[in-house]
Amino acid sequence: MTLLCETVTAGTTAGLIEARDRSSADLVELRLDSAREIDVAGVLAGRSRPVVVTCRPRWEGGQFEGSEEERRTLLGRALELGAEFVDVEWRAQFDDLVRRDPARVVLSSHDFTGVPTDLATQARAMRGTGAGTIKIAVMPARLSDTLPLIDIAASDPAVVVGMGDAGVATRLLAAHFGSRWTYAGHAVAPGQIPLPRMVGEFRFRAVHPRTAVFGVVSRTAMHSLSPAMHNAAFAASGIDAVYVPLCAADFADFQAFSRRLGMSGASVTIPFKLDALAAAAEADATATSVGAANTLRREARGGWQATNTDVDGFLAPLESRFGSLRGARAAVLGAGGAARAAIVALRSRGALVTVHARRTEQADAVARDLGVMSAAWRPAPGSWDLLVNATPLGSAAHRHQSPLPGGPFDGRLAYDLTYGAGESRFLAEAREAGCATLDGLPMLVAQAERQFEWWTGRRAPSGVMLAAVERRTAAERQGSERPADAVATDRAGGEEPCA
């Protein structure tokens, strides 16, 4: 069973003890390098769970500024006082500490610049010291850069970690990577996720090597609310599956990773929806008509089946607010995958659609493909009943930017496919002009519910996904359980109302 180790830091011995005792992890990593005038006996006394004692020097990403001899003394003292594990850097060459009690030494190596090409050779050399556990942490630039870690842990027990956004899956899927344990914490290391979120949102303690793996594929996957929704639905339905963010460098990167991990399905967002459709062995009529796929599932022969749930997701909240769309004049801003899904949805309900893109040639191309009209970027006054923002402007990273500053907002309803904290400038100006407004959060939930049903053959329990989104966004507003790089949106930096 892969264990969960929480990294705790504090400026004082008392603070470390308090953080240690507050933890509910299987192990607690006590970062002595974060404290001043550390009392090793004090931080170990009265502990109720096993600890890993670490005193990381600045030359390996830590905060300790004393001499190496001082550091050796602190770590040796921790061994002497019975710490369950003591982390010793491979490059420090503290061989005497390793020999003193090899079973309790974690021999660690951290590369914050990339993934060494000789990783297997390095692992053999580290094991050759006799240390009971080796820990290898690397900084992958691609999802597929993490795959050699699986082989490292498969040959002998090890702790393996991919840092940064591309490595987050190694933390959440530590059981699939064969890691002896993984680390949670408040971004003490790049890509670390707080313990409550690891256990609550990502269901870490329910994940084992045979748990089915799903994920959201994007260059900005860490911004996604989809893991909160899908993991909550899996838990409520009693399904042995986990859903994780996958920050892919390109679609081939995701393909390599998904094959090795045996992934069961994926949500696909910016900028990979066209790639997902092209890679699919089978695609349904909806994905084909849109010309893009936002959802994949593994077929029996090992290839992907593709669909697009954005169409239904777009319509579900709109029709309840707007009513019949037949004959309604709809202006769609944008020409990417989100815009294409919106256009297909609107056409299916008999709306008269015009697409507007900053690059005229893009608007013309989409219009030809989907059988609608195209026009200049700014819709003419009095030309629309429904105005749809399918651009990235308005997402959490661009909340105060609008694709159409000043309007014209003289139609019936403005629909912004972005969402985030507060009201977007686009919707605020539309509301002030007298329009009804609708943001993208209901669409996000609706399309996710359809994804879940397509993957599992079961409806998502009513209200579970929306409640999960509300909990996650509330936690982020309060600043709790928030990794340094988390943002409450799926579409930061992109135009897709994705997964």
Protein backbone atom coordinates (compact mmCIF):
# COMPACT_ATOMS: atom_id res chain seq x y z
CA MET A 1 0.00 0.00 0.00
CA THR A 2 1.48 3.36 -0.99
CA LEU A 3 1.73 5.65 2.02
CA LEU A 4 1.03 9.37 2.21
CA CYS A 5 3.71 11.52 3.80
CA GLU A 6 2.94 15.12 4.73
CA THR A 7 5.80 17.60 4.59
CA VAL A 8 5.61 20.14 7.41
CA THR A 9 7.66 23.28 7.96
CA ALA A 10 7.85 25.90 10.70
CA GLY A 11 10.22 28.57 11.94
CA THR A 12 10.56 27.06 15.40
CA THR A 13 10.74 23.69 17.12
CA ALA A 14 7.36 24.35 18.73
CA GLY A 15 5.85 25.13 15.35
CA LEU A 16 7.17 21.88 13.88
CA ILE A 17 5.76 19.90 16.78
CA GLU A 18 2.37 21.56 16.36
CA ALA A 19 2.32 20.87 12.60
CA ARG A 20 3.45 17.28 13.22
CA ASP A 21 0.68 16.61 15.69
CA ARG A 22 -1.95 18.22 13.47
CA SER A 23 -1.17 15.89 10.56
CA SER A 24 -3.35 12.91 9.70
CA ALA A 25 -0.85 11.47 7.20
CA ASP A 26 0.71 8.00 7.39
CA LEU A 27 4.13 9.63 7.75
CA VAL A 28 5.22 13.16 8.55
CA GLU A 29 8.32 14.69 7.00
CA LEU A 30 9.85 17.10 9.53
CA ARG A 31 11.79 19.73 7.61
CA LEU A 32 14.40 20.77 10.17
CA ASP A 33 15.92 23.18 7.64
CA SER A 34 12.85 25.41 7.96
CA ALA A 35 13.39 26.08 11.66
CA ARG A 36 15.83 28.15 13.68
CA GLU A 37 17.84 26.64 16.57
CA ILE A 38 16.24 23.27 16.07
CA ASP A 39 15.83 20.86 19.00
CA VAL A 40 16.01 17.38 17.42
CA ALA A 41 14.98 15.62 20.63
CA GLY A 42 12.04 17.99 20.99
CA VAL A 43 10.62 17.43 17.51
CA LEU A 44 10.80 13.66 17.97
CA ALA A 45 9.44 13.46 21.51
CA GLY A 46 5.81 12.42 21.94
CA ARG A 47 5.13 11.72 18.28
CA SER A 48 2.11 9.55 17.48
CA ARG A 49 3.07 8.57 13.94
CA PRO A 50 6.26 7.72 12.03
CA VAL A 51 8.43 10.57 10.80
CA VAL A 52 10.99 11.28 8.11
CA VAL A 53 13.57 13.75 9.39
CA THR A 54 14.96 15.99 6.65
CA CYS A 55 17.44 18.85 6.83
CA ARG A 56 17.72 19.93 3.21
CA PRO A 57 20.66 22.18 2.24
CA ARG A 58 20.22 25.09 -0.14
CA TRP A 59 22.29 23.32 -2.75
CA GLU A 60 19.53 20.70 -3.01
CA GLY A 61 16.49 22.95 -2.82
CA GLY A 62 16.27 23.38 0.96
CA GLN A 63 16.77 26.20 3.44
CA PHE A 64 19.63 25.03 5.67
CA GLU A 65 22.50 27.52 5.61
CA GLY A 66 24.83 26.01 8.19
CA SER A 67 27.88 23.87 7.51
CA GLU A 68 27.71 20.31 6.24
CA GLU A 69 29.22 19.13 9.52
CA GLU A 70 26.38 20.80 11.44
CA ARG A 71 23.87 19.14 9.15
CA ARG A 72 25.52 15.75 9.55
CA THR A 73 25.30 16.15 13.32
CA LEU A 74 21.57 16.99 13.23
CA LEU A 75 20.77 13.99 11.02
CA GLY A 76 22.96 11.69 13.08
CA ARG A 77 21.20 12.85 16.22
CA ALA A 78 17.82 12.00 14.63
CA LEU A 79 19.07 8.46 13.91
CA GLU A 80 20.41 8.15 17.44
CA LEU A 81 17.06 9.20 18.92
CA GLY A 82 15.12 6.63 16.91
CA ALA A 83 13.55 8.58 14.03
CA GLU A 84 11.79 6.07 11.80
CA PHE A 85 13.49 7.53 8.70
CA VAL A 86 16.23 10.07 8.07
CA ASP A 87 16.60 11.64 4.64
CA VAL A 88 20.22 11.88 3.49
CA GLU A 89 21.13 13.46 0.15
CA TRP A 90 23.09 11.17 -2.17
CA ARG A 91 25.34 14.04 -3.22
CA ALA A 92 26.20 14.82 0.41
CA GLN A 93 28.19 11.57 0.66
CA PHE A 94 27.28 11.09 4.30
CA ASP A 95 28.23 7.43 3.96
CA ASP A 96 28.77 7.05 7.71
CA LEU A 97 25.08 7.86 8.31
CA VAL A 98 24.00 5.29 5.75
CA ARG A 99 26.20 2.62 7.35
CA ARG A 100 24.98 3.47 10.83
CA ASP A 101 21.46 2.15 10.16
CA PRO A 102 20.78 1.52 6.44
CA ALA A 103 17.15 0.42 6.97
CA ARG A 104 16.21 3.83 8.34
CA VAL A 105 18.04 5.93 5.78
CA VAL A 106 16.22 7.42 2.80
CA LEU A 107 18.95 8.24 0.29
CA SER A 108 17.56 11.04 -1.85
CA SER A 109 18.36 12.75 -5.12
CA HIS A 110 16.58 15.85 -6.47
CA ASP A 111 16.99 17.27 -9.96
CA PHE A 112 15.15 20.58 -10.30
CA THR A 113 16.31 21.09 -13.89
CA GLY A 114 14.97 18.02 -15.67
CA VAL A 115 15.22 14.22 -15.84
CA PRO A 116 18.72 12.71 -16.01
CA THR A 117 19.31 10.51 -19.03
CA ASP A 118 21.16 8.01 -16.84
CA LEU A 119 18.40 7.68 -14.25
CA ALA A 120 18.56 3.87 -14.12
CA THR A 121 22.32 3.97 -13.62
CA GLN A 122 21.90 6.56 -10.88
CA ALA A 123 19.31 4.41 -9.12
CA ARG A 124 21.66 1.40 -9.19
CA ALA A 125 24.48 3.48 -7.72
CA MET A 126 22.21 4.78 -4.96
CA ARG A 127 21.05 1.26 -4.12
CA GLY A 128 24.68 0.17 -4.08
CA THR A 129 25.25 2.25 -0.94
CA GLY A 130 23.07 -0.15 1.03
CA ALA A 131 20.44 2.46 1.93
CA GLY A 132 17.12 0.86 2.80
CA THR A 133 15.10 3.28 0.65
CA ILE A 134 16.11 5.46 -2.26
CA LYS A 135 14.14 8.55 -3.25
CA ILE A 136 14.41 10.05 -6.73
CA ALA A 137 12.68 13.35 -7.51
CA VAL A 138 12.95 14.88 -10.97
CA MET A 139 11.48 17.84 -12.86
CA PRO A 140 9.74 16.50 -15.98
CA ALA A 141 8.93 18.83 -18.86
CA ARG A 142 6.49 16.28 -20.30
CA LEU A 143 4.11 13.70 -18.86
CA SER A 144 6.08 10.97 -20.63
CA ASP A 145 9.28 12.13 -18.89
CA THR A 146 7.86 10.56 -15.72
CA LEU A 147 7.57 7.05 -17.16
CA PRO A 148 11.15 5.93 -16.32
CA LEU A 149 10.18 6.36 -12.66
CA ILE A 150 7.85 3.36 -13.00
CA ASP A 151 10.81 1.16 -13.95
CA ILE A 152 12.93 2.54 -11.08
CA ALA A 153 10.29 1.60 -8.49
CA ALA A 154 9.46 -1.73 -10.15
CA SER A 155 12.97 -3.15 -9.78
CA ASP A 156 13.21 -2.48 -6.02
CA PRO A 157 11.16 -0.46 -3.51
CA ALA A 158 11.73 3.27 -3.98
CA VAL A 159 10.11 6.63 -3.50
CA VAL A 160 9.71 8.28 -6.91
CA VAL A 161 8.37 11.77 -7.51
CA GLY A 162 7.87 13.98 -10.55
CA MET A 163 7.90 17.63 -9.52
CA GLY A 164 6.10 20.55 -11.15
CA ASP A 165 2.85 20.47 -13.13
CA ALA A 166 3.92 17.67 -15.47
CA GLY A 167 4.79 15.52 -12.46
CA VAL A 168 1.59 15.95 -10.45
CA ALA A 169 0.23 12.64 -11.73
CA THR A 170 3.13 10.81 -10.07
CA ARG A 171 1.96 12.12 -6.70
CA LEU A 172 -1.72 11.33 -7.24
CA LEU A 173 -1.04 7.97 -8.93
CA ALA A 174 1.85 6.96 -6.68
CA ALA A 175 0.39 3.46 -6.41
CA HIS A 176 0.47 3.08 -10.20
CA PHE A 177 4.09 4.29 -10.24
CA GLY A 178 5.01 1.77 -7.53
CA SER A 179 6.25 4.43 -5.12
CA ARG A 180 6.70 3.37 -1.50
CA TRP A 181 5.15 6.69 -0.43
CA THR A 182 4.48 10.13 -1.85
CA TYR A 183 4.47 13.62 -0.41
CA ALA A 184 1.67 16.07 0.32
CA GLY A 185 2.11 19.61 1.54
CA HIS A 186 1.55 23.28 0.94
CA ALA A 187 3.83 23.63 -2.09
CA VAL A 188 7.01 22.98 -0.10
CA ALA A 189 8.22 21.37 -3.33
CA PRO A 190 7.03 22.22 -6.85
CA GLY A 191 3.71 20.54 -7.61
CA GLN A 192 2.97 19.45 -4.04
CA ILE A 193 -0.73 19.27 -3.17
CA PRO A 194 -2.10 19.85 0.37
CA LEU A 195 -2.99 16.75 2.34
CA PRO A 196 -6.74 17.51 2.69
CA ARG A 197 -7.03 17.85 -1.08
CA MET A 198 -5.02 14.67 -1.74
CA VAL A 199 -7.30 12.69 0.57
CA GLY A 200 -10.59 14.49 -0.10
CA GLU A 201 -10.70 15.57 -3.73
CA PHE A 202 -8.30 12.97 -5.16
CA ARG A 203 -9.30 10.09 -2.86
CA PHE A 204 -5.66 9.09 -2.43
CA ARG A 205 -6.35 6.41 0.16
CA ALA A 206 -8.82 4.63 -2.12
CA VAL A 207 -6.40 4.44 -5.06
CA HIS A 208 -4.48 1.21 -5.68
CA PRO A 209 -2.52 -0.11 -8.70
CA ARG A 210 -5.67 -1.48 -10.37
CA THR A 211 -7.81 1.63 -9.90
CA ALA A 212 -9.07 2.88 -13.28
CA VAL A 213 -7.42 6.14 -14.34
CA PHE A 214 -9.14 9.08 -16.02
CA GLY A 215 -7.91 12.63 -16.42
CA VAL A 216 -8.19 16.06 -17.98
CA VAL A 217 -5.65 16.68 -20.74
CA SER A 218 -4.49 20.24 -21.27
CA ARG A 219 -1.48 22.49 -21.04
CA THR A 220 -3.30 24.20 -18.17
CA ALA A 221 -4.79 21.11 -16.49
CA MET A 222 -3.84 22.27 -13.00
CA HIS A 223 -6.47 24.99 -13.35
CA SER A 224 -9.25 22.47 -13.90
CA LEU A 225 -12.26 21.93 -11.65
CA SER A 226 -12.99 18.63 -13.39
CA PRO A 227 -11.04 16.45 -10.92
CA ALA A 228 -13.25 17.72 -8.10
CA MET A 229 -16.42 16.89 -10.05
CA HIS A 230 -15.48 13.48 -11.41
CA ASN A 231 -13.79 12.17 -8.27
CA ALA A 232 -16.85 13.16 -6.24
CA ALA A 233 -19.10 11.34 -8.70
CA PHE A 234 -16.89 8.23 -8.69
CA ALA A 235 -16.97 8.19 -4.88
CA ALA A 236 -20.73 8.71 -4.65
CA SER A 237 -21.30 5.94 -7.20
CA GLY A 238 -18.92 3.46 -5.57
CA ILE A 239 -16.77 3.25 -8.71
CA ASP A 240 -13.10 2.29 -8.33
CA ALA A 241 -11.65 5.09 -10.45
CA VAL A 242 -9.63 8.27 -10.05
CA TYR A 243 -9.45 11.41 -12.18
CA VAL A 244 -6.28 13.53 -12.30
CA PRO A 245 -4.93 16.65 -14.06
CA LEU A 246 -2.56 15.84 -16.93
CA CYS A 247 -0.42 18.76 -18.10
CA ALA A 248 0.60 17.50 -21.53
CA ALA A 249 3.24 19.17 -23.70
CA ASP A 250 1.45 17.89 -26.82
CA PHE A 251 -1.05 15.17 -27.69
CA ALA A 252 1.68 12.62 -28.45
CA ASP A 253 2.94 13.17 -24.91
CA PHE A 254 -0.49 12.31 -23.51
CA GLN A 255 -0.74 9.29 -25.80
CA ALA A 256 2.55 7.83 -24.53
CA PHE A 257 1.59 8.44 -20.91
CA SER A 258 -1.93 7.05 -21.28
CA ARG A 259 -0.70 3.86 -22.93
CA ARG A 260 1.80 3.11 -20.20
CA LEU A 261 -0.68 3.87 -17.41
CA GLY A 262 -3.50 1.99 -19.16
CA MET A 263 -5.86 4.94 -18.86
CA SER A 264 -9.59 4.26 -19.26
CA GLY A 265 -10.71 7.68 -20.44
CA ALA A 266 -9.94 11.37 -20.67
CA SER A 267 -11.47 14.80 -20.93
CA VAL A 268 -9.70 16.86 -23.56
CA THR A 269 -9.42 20.63 -23.65
CA ILE A 270 -7.33 23.39 -25.11
CA PRO A 271 -5.46 22.93 -27.36
CA PHE A 272 -5.97 19.23 -28.08
CA LYS A 273 -9.60 18.73 -29.16
CA LEU A 274 -8.77 18.44 -32.86
CA ASP A 275 -5.88 16.07 -32.06
CA ALA A 276 -8.20 13.93 -29.95
CA LEU A 277 -10.63 13.50 -32.82
CA ALA A 278 -7.82 12.68 -35.25
CA ALA A 279 -6.36 10.10 -32.84
CA ALA A 280 -9.64 8.28 -32.21
CA ALA A 281 -10.26 4.89 -33.77
CA GLU A 282 -13.99 5.65 -33.59
CA ALA A 283 -15.91 8.93 -33.30
CA ASP A 284 -19.63 9.45 -32.87
CA ALA A 285 -21.77 11.75 -34.97
CA THR A 286 -21.57 14.64 -32.52
CA ALA A 287 -17.77 14.77 -32.44
CA THR A 288 -17.66 14.37 -36.21
CA SER A 289 -20.14 17.19 -36.80
CA VAL A 290 -18.28 19.54 -34.45
CA GLY A 291 -14.91 18.55 -35.88
CA ALA A 292 -13.45 18.21 -32.40
CA ALA A 293 -13.63 15.78 -29.47
CA ASN A 294 -13.61 16.66 -25.80
CA THR A 295 -14.05 13.13 -24.41
CA LEU A 296 -12.20 9.85 -25.01
CA ARG A 297 -12.73 6.34 -23.70
CA ARG A 298 -10.67 3.21 -24.26
CA GLU A 299 -12.21 0.68 -26.62
CA ALA A 300 -11.77 -3.07 -26.25
CA ARG A 301 -9.00 -3.23 -28.89
CA GLY A 302 -7.01 -0.55 -27.11
CA GLY A 303 -7.80 2.50 -29.25
CA TRP A 304 -9.85 5.55 -28.35
CA GLN A 305 -13.52 6.22 -28.93
CA ALA A 306 -14.41 9.91 -29.12
CA THR A 307 -17.43 12.09 -28.46
CA ASN A 308 -18.14 15.74 -27.73
CA THR A 309 -20.24 16.51 -24.67
CA ASP A 310 -19.83 20.28 -25.06
CA VAL A 311 -22.86 20.35 -27.36
CA ASP A 312 -25.30 18.97 -24.80
CA GLY A 313 -23.51 20.82 -22.03
CA PHE A 314 -23.91 24.12 -23.87
CA LEU A 315 -27.64 23.60 -24.47
CA ALA A 316 -28.70 22.32 -21.04
CA PRO A 317 -28.48 25.63 -19.11
CA LEU A 318 -29.23 27.79 -22.16
CA GLU A 319 -32.59 26.27 -23.06
CA SER A 320 -33.78 26.49 -19.47
CA ARG A 321 -33.06 30.25 -19.52
CA PHE A 322 -33.75 31.23 -23.12
CA GLY A 323 -36.54 28.90 -24.12
CA SER A 324 -36.95 27.93 -27.78
CA LEU A 325 -33.95 28.81 -29.94
CA ARG A 326 -35.73 28.26 -33.25
CA GLY A 327 -35.30 31.34 -35.39
CA ALA A 328 -33.23 33.14 -32.74
CA ARG A 329 -30.31 35.18 -34.05
CA ALA A 330 -27.14 33.93 -32.36
CA ALA A 331 -23.75 35.64 -32.60
CA VAL A 332 -20.80 33.45 -31.54
CA LEU A 333 -17.48 35.12 -30.68
CA GLY A 334 -14.51 32.85 -31.39
CA ALA A 335 -13.57 30.16 -33.88
CA GLY A 336 -11.98 27.39 -31.77
CA GLY A 337 -13.34 24.13 -30.44
CA ALA A 338 -15.68 25.82 -27.98
CA ALA A 339 -17.18 28.00 -30.70
CA ARG A 340 -17.61 25.02 -33.03
CA ALA A 341 -19.51 23.08 -30.35
CA ALA A 342 -21.73 26.10 -29.63
CA ILE A 343 -22.49 26.55 -33.33
CA VAL A 344 -23.40 22.88 -33.82
CA ALA A 345 -25.63 23.02 -30.73
CA LEU A 346 -27.40 26.18 -31.88
CA ARG A 347 -27.94 24.89 -35.40
CA SER A 348 -29.45 21.69 -34.00
CA ARG A 349 -32.15 23.87 -32.40
CA GLY A 350 -32.87 25.94 -35.48
CA ALA A 351 -31.03 29.13 -34.48
CA LEU A 352 -29.64 31.48 -37.13
CA VAL A 353 -25.93 31.58 -36.35
CA THR A 354 -23.22 34.05 -37.28
CA VAL A 355 -19.61 33.42 -36.25
CA HIS A 356 -17.29 36.31 -35.43
CA ALA A 357 -13.51 35.90 -35.13
CA ARG A 358 -10.72 38.43 -34.97
CA ARG A 359 -9.12 36.73 -37.97
CA THR A 360 -11.65 36.91 -40.75
CA GLU A 361 -10.23 33.83 -42.46
CA GLN A 362 -10.88 31.76 -39.33
CA ALA A 363 -14.49 32.88 -39.12
CA ASP A 364 -14.98 32.16 -42.83
CA ALA A 365 -13.47 28.68 -42.49
CA VAL A 366 -15.66 27.73 -39.53
CA ALA A 367 -18.73 29.16 -41.25
CA ARG A 368 -18.05 27.06 -44.37
CA ASP A 369 -17.43 23.89 -42.33
CA LEU A 370 -20.57 24.23 -40.23
CA GLY A 371 -22.96 25.88 -42.68
CA VAL A 372 -23.45 29.22 -40.93
CA MET A 373 -22.69 32.84 -41.68
CA SER A 374 -19.56 34.81 -40.80
CA ALA A 375 -19.15 38.51 -40.17
CA ALA A 376 -16.76 41.13 -38.82
CA TRP A 377 -15.46 40.75 -35.26
CA ARG A 378 -17.84 43.22 -33.61
CA PRO A 379 -21.51 42.32 -34.17
CA ALA A 380 -23.59 45.16 -35.56
CA PRO A 381 -26.08 46.84 -33.19
CA GLY A 382 -29.46 45.10 -33.23
CA SER A 383 -28.06 42.01 -34.97
CA TRP A 384 -28.42 39.38 -32.25
CA ASP A 385 -30.80 37.85 -29.73
CA LEU A 386 -28.16 35.60 -28.16
CA LEU A 387 -24.48 36.55 -27.82
CA VAL A 388 -21.98 33.79 -26.96
CA ASN A 389 -18.43 34.42 -25.75
CA ALA A 390 -16.37 31.38 -26.79
CA THR A 391 -12.99 33.09 -26.34
CA PRO A 392 -10.57 32.85 -23.38
CA LEU A 393 -11.22 36.44 -22.33
CA GLY A 394 -13.24 36.30 -19.12
CA SER A 395 -11.65 33.17 -17.68
CA ALA A 396 -10.03 33.33 -14.26
CA ALA A 397 -6.73 34.53 -15.67
CA HIS A 398 -8.51 37.19 -17.78
CA ARG A 399 -11.60 37.94 -15.67
CA HIS A 400 -11.44 41.69 -16.19
CA GLN A 401 -10.86 41.47 -19.93
CA SER A 402 -13.70 41.33 -22.43
CA PRO A 403 -13.74 40.18 -26.05
CA LEU A 404 -16.27 42.93 -26.74
CA PRO A 405 -15.63 45.93 -24.48
CA GLY A 406 -18.56 48.30 -24.67
CA GLY A 407 -20.81 45.95 -26.58
CA PRO A 408 -23.15 46.37 -28.36
CA PHE A 409 -25.25 44.67 -25.68
CA ASP A 410 -28.70 45.25 -27.08
CA GLY A 411 -29.93 41.68 -27.44
CA ARG A 412 -31.79 39.34 -25.15
CA LEU A 413 -29.15 37.13 -23.45
CA ALA A 414 -25.34 37.13 -23.18
CA TYR A 415 -23.77 33.70 -22.56
CA ASP A 416 -20.14 33.62 -21.41
CA LEU A 417 -18.59 30.16 -21.65
CA THR A 418 -15.85 31.19 -19.21
CA TYR A 419 -16.28 31.27 -15.46
CA GLY A 420 -14.31 32.23 -12.40
CA ALA A 421 -14.47 34.27 -9.22
CA GLY A 422 -17.08 36.98 -9.55
CA GLU A 423 -18.69 38.24 -12.73
CA SER A 424 -16.70 38.60 -15.95
CA ARG A 425 -16.44 42.05 -17.49
CA PHE A 426 -18.33 40.72 -20.53
CA LEU A 427 -21.33 39.70 -18.42
CA ALA A 428 -21.16 42.74 -16.15
CA GLU A 429 -21.41 45.12 -19.11
CA ALA A 430 -24.18 43.04 -20.68
CA ARG A 431 -26.15 43.03 -17.43
CA GLU A 432 -25.70 46.77 -16.97
CA ALA A 433 -27.04 47.25 -20.50
CA GLY A 434 -30.20 45.30 -19.60
CA CYS A 435 -29.38 41.84 -20.98
CA ALA A 436 -30.04 38.58 -19.19
CA THR A 437 -26.74 36.77 -18.52
CA LEU A 438 -25.43 33.22 -18.14
CA ASP A 439 -21.87 32.16 -17.28
CA GLY A 440 -20.04 28.95 -18.11
CA LEU A 441 -20.19 27.08 -14.82
CA PRO A 442 -23.56 25.37 -15.48
CA MET A 443 -22.22 24.27 -18.87
CA LEU A 444 -19.09 22.86 -17.26
CA VAL A 445 -21.16 20.75 -14.87
CA ALA A 446 -23.65 19.64 -17.52
CA GLN A 447 -21.01 18.46 -19.99
CA ALA A 448 -19.11 16.68 -17.17
CA GLU A 449 -22.27 14.79 -16.17
CA ARG A 450 -22.60 13.58 -19.75
CA GLN A 451 -18.96 12.52 -19.82
CA PHE A 452 -19.43 10.50 -16.64
CA GLU A 453 -22.46 8.72 -18.09
CA TRP A 454 -20.65 7.97 -21.36
CA TRP A 455 -17.70 6.47 -19.49
CA THR A 456 -19.58 4.47 -16.88
CA GLY A 457 -23.02 3.77 -18.31
CA ARG A 458 -24.49 5.35 -15.17
CA ARG A 459 -25.87 8.80 -14.45
CA ALA A 460 -23.86 10.91 -12.08
CA PRO A 461 -25.69 11.21 -8.75
CA SER A 462 -27.85 14.33 -8.85
CA GLY A 463 -26.17 17.47 -7.57
CA VAL A 464 -22.88 15.79 -6.64
CA MET A 465 -20.76 17.46 -9.30
CA LEU A 466 -22.14 20.94 -8.68
CA ALA A 467 -21.62 20.55 -4.94
CA ALA A 468 -18.01 19.46 -5.54
CA VAL A 469 -17.34 22.54 -7.68
CA GLU A 470 -18.84 24.78 -5.00
CA ARG A 471 -16.65 23.21 -2.31
CA ARG A 472 -13.50 23.59 -4.39
CA THR A 473 -14.14 27.19 -5.36
CA ALA A 474 -15.09 28.05 -1.76
CA ALA A 475 -11.80 26.54 -0.54
CA GLU A 476 -9.87 28.55 -3.09
CA ARG A 477 -11.65 31.78 -2.20
CA GLN A 478 -10.75 31.20 1.45
CA GLY A 479 -7.17 30.37 0.50
CA SER A 480 -7.32 26.95 2.15
CA GLU A 481 -5.91 23.76 0.66
CA ARG A 482 -4.60 25.87 -2.20
CA PRO A 483 -1.49 24.80 -4.09
CA ALA A 484 0.55 27.73 -5.30
CA ASP A 485 -0.36 27.18 -8.92
CA ALA A 486 -4.09 26.45 -8.56
CA VAL A 487 -6.71 28.62 -10.24
CA ALA A 488 -10.45 27.98 -10.21
CA THR A 489 -11.07 27.54 -13.91
CA ASP A 490 -10.68 25.06 -16.69
CA ARG A 491 -10.13 27.67 -19.30
CA ALA A 492 -7.37 29.93 -18.03
CA GLY A 493 -5.36 30.89 -21.06
CA GLY A 494 -7.69 29.05 -23.41
CA GLU A 495 -11.04 29.16 -25.04
CA GLU A 496 -12.34 25.70 -24.30
CA PRO A 497 -15.32 25.09 -22.00
CA CYS A 498 -13.77 21.85 -21.33
CA ALA A 499 -13.80 19.21 -19.10
